């Protein structure tokens, strides 16, 4: 039981550190995006983000269309009877 509890604690610690790293990466990405957009767009984004929590991931996901299947190549052979 103690080893199981230790394992659970280490998993929770790992999850917390990964979550923190993800939040830091998201903040860095937002900072870089603000630099690219400029100061005026950054002010507009800040106002929009205040009311939309959790929608960021839905907006960031871009659905890619499924690739079309490759055309099948067939060959017909005619043999003399």
Protein backbone atom coordinates (compact mmCIF):
# COMPACT_ATOMS: atom_id res chain seq x y z
CA UNK A 1 0.00 0.00 0.00
CA UNK A 2 2.82 2.41 0.79
CA UNK A 3 4.46 1.80 -2.59
CA UNK A 4 1.13 2.43 -4.29
CA UNK A 5 0.69 5.68 -2.35
CA UNK A 6 4.23 6.72 -3.30
CA UNK A 7 3.51 5.97 -6.94
CA UNK A 8 0.29 8.01 -6.85
CA UNK A 9 2.12 10.94 -5.27
CA UNK A 10 4.86 10.85 -7.89
CA UNK A 11 2.25 10.74 -10.68
CA UNK A 12 0.42 13.73 -9.20
CA UNK A 13 3.69 15.65 -8.87
CA UNK A 14 4.53 14.86 -12.50
CA UNK A 15 1.08 15.99 -13.65
CA UNK A 16 1.39 19.25 -11.73
CA UNK A 17 4.81 19.97 -13.21
CA UNK A 18 3.58 19.20 -16.72
CA UNK A 19 0.55 21.43 -16.25
CA UNK A 20 2.80 24.25 -15.02
CA UNK A 21 5.12 23.80 -17.99
CA UNK A 22 2.15 23.86 -20.36
CA UNK A 23 0.86 27.08 -18.80
CA UNK A 24 4.29 28.68 -19.14
CA UNK A 25 4.50 27.59 -22.78
CA UNK A 26 1.02 29.01 -23.45
CA UNK A 27 2.01 32.32 -21.87
CA UNK A 28 5.16 32.43 -23.98
CA UNK A 29 3.19 31.66 -27.14
CA UNK A 30 0.70 34.42 -26.30
CA UNK A 31 3.57 36.83 -25.73
CA UNK A 32 5.17 35.97 -29.07
CA UNK A 33 1.82 36.23 -30.84
CA UNK A 34 1.30 39.67 -29.31
CA UNK A 35 4.70 40.76 -30.62
CA UNK A 36 3.77 39.58 -34.11
CA UNK A 37 0.32 41.22 -34.07
CA UNK A 38 1.45 44.47 -32.54
CA UNK A 39 0.28 46.47 -29.53
CA UNK A 40 -3.17 47.35 -30.90
CA UNK A 41 -4.16 43.74 -31.56
CA UNK A 42 -2.80 42.70 -28.16
CA UNK A 43 -5.20 45.12 -26.42
CA UNK A 44 -8.14 43.71 -28.40
CA UNK A 45 -7.12 40.13 -27.61
CA UNK A 46 -6.89 40.89 -23.90
CA UNK A 47 -10.42 42.26 -23.88
CA UNK A 48 -11.75 39.23 -25.78
CA UNK A 49 -9.96 36.69 -23.56
CA UNK A 50 -11.48 38.02 -20.34
CA UNK A 51 -14.89 36.58 -21.15
CA UNK A 52 -13.80 33.40 -22.90
CA UNK A 53 -12.13 30.91 -20.64
CA UNK A 54 -11.63 27.43 -22.02
CA UNK A 55 -12.54 28.43 -25.57
CA UNK A 56 -8.90 28.94 -26.49
CA UNK A 57 -8.28 25.27 -27.23
CA UNK A 58 -11.41 24.99 -29.35
CA UNK A 59 -10.37 27.99 -31.42
CA UNK A 60 -6.78 26.78 -31.73
CA UNK A 61 -7.75 23.36 -33.07
CA UNK A 62 -7.84 23.39 -36.83
CA UNK A 63 -9.66 20.52 -38.42
CA UNK A 64 -7.79 19.09 -41.35
CA UNK A 65 -9.80 17.45 -44.09
CA UNK A 66 -9.35 13.74 -44.47
CA UNK A 67 -7.02 12.90 -47.31
CA UNK A 68 -8.72 11.57 -50.40
CA UNK A 69 -8.00 7.93 -51.07
CA UNK A 70 -5.50 7.30 -53.82
CA UNK A 71 -7.10 6.28 -57.11
CA UNK A 72 -6.94 2.57 -57.74
CA UNK A 73 -5.10 1.50 -60.84
CA UNK A 74 -6.48 -1.54 -62.58
CA UNK A 75 -5.23 -3.34 -65.63
CA UNK A 76 -7.19 -5.45 -68.07
CA UNK A 77 -5.50 -8.15 -70.05
CA UNK A 78 -7.17 -9.64 -73.09
CA UNK A 79 -5.98 -13.03 -74.19
CA UNK A 80 -6.73 -14.54 -77.57
CA UNK A 81 -9.04 -17.58 -77.34
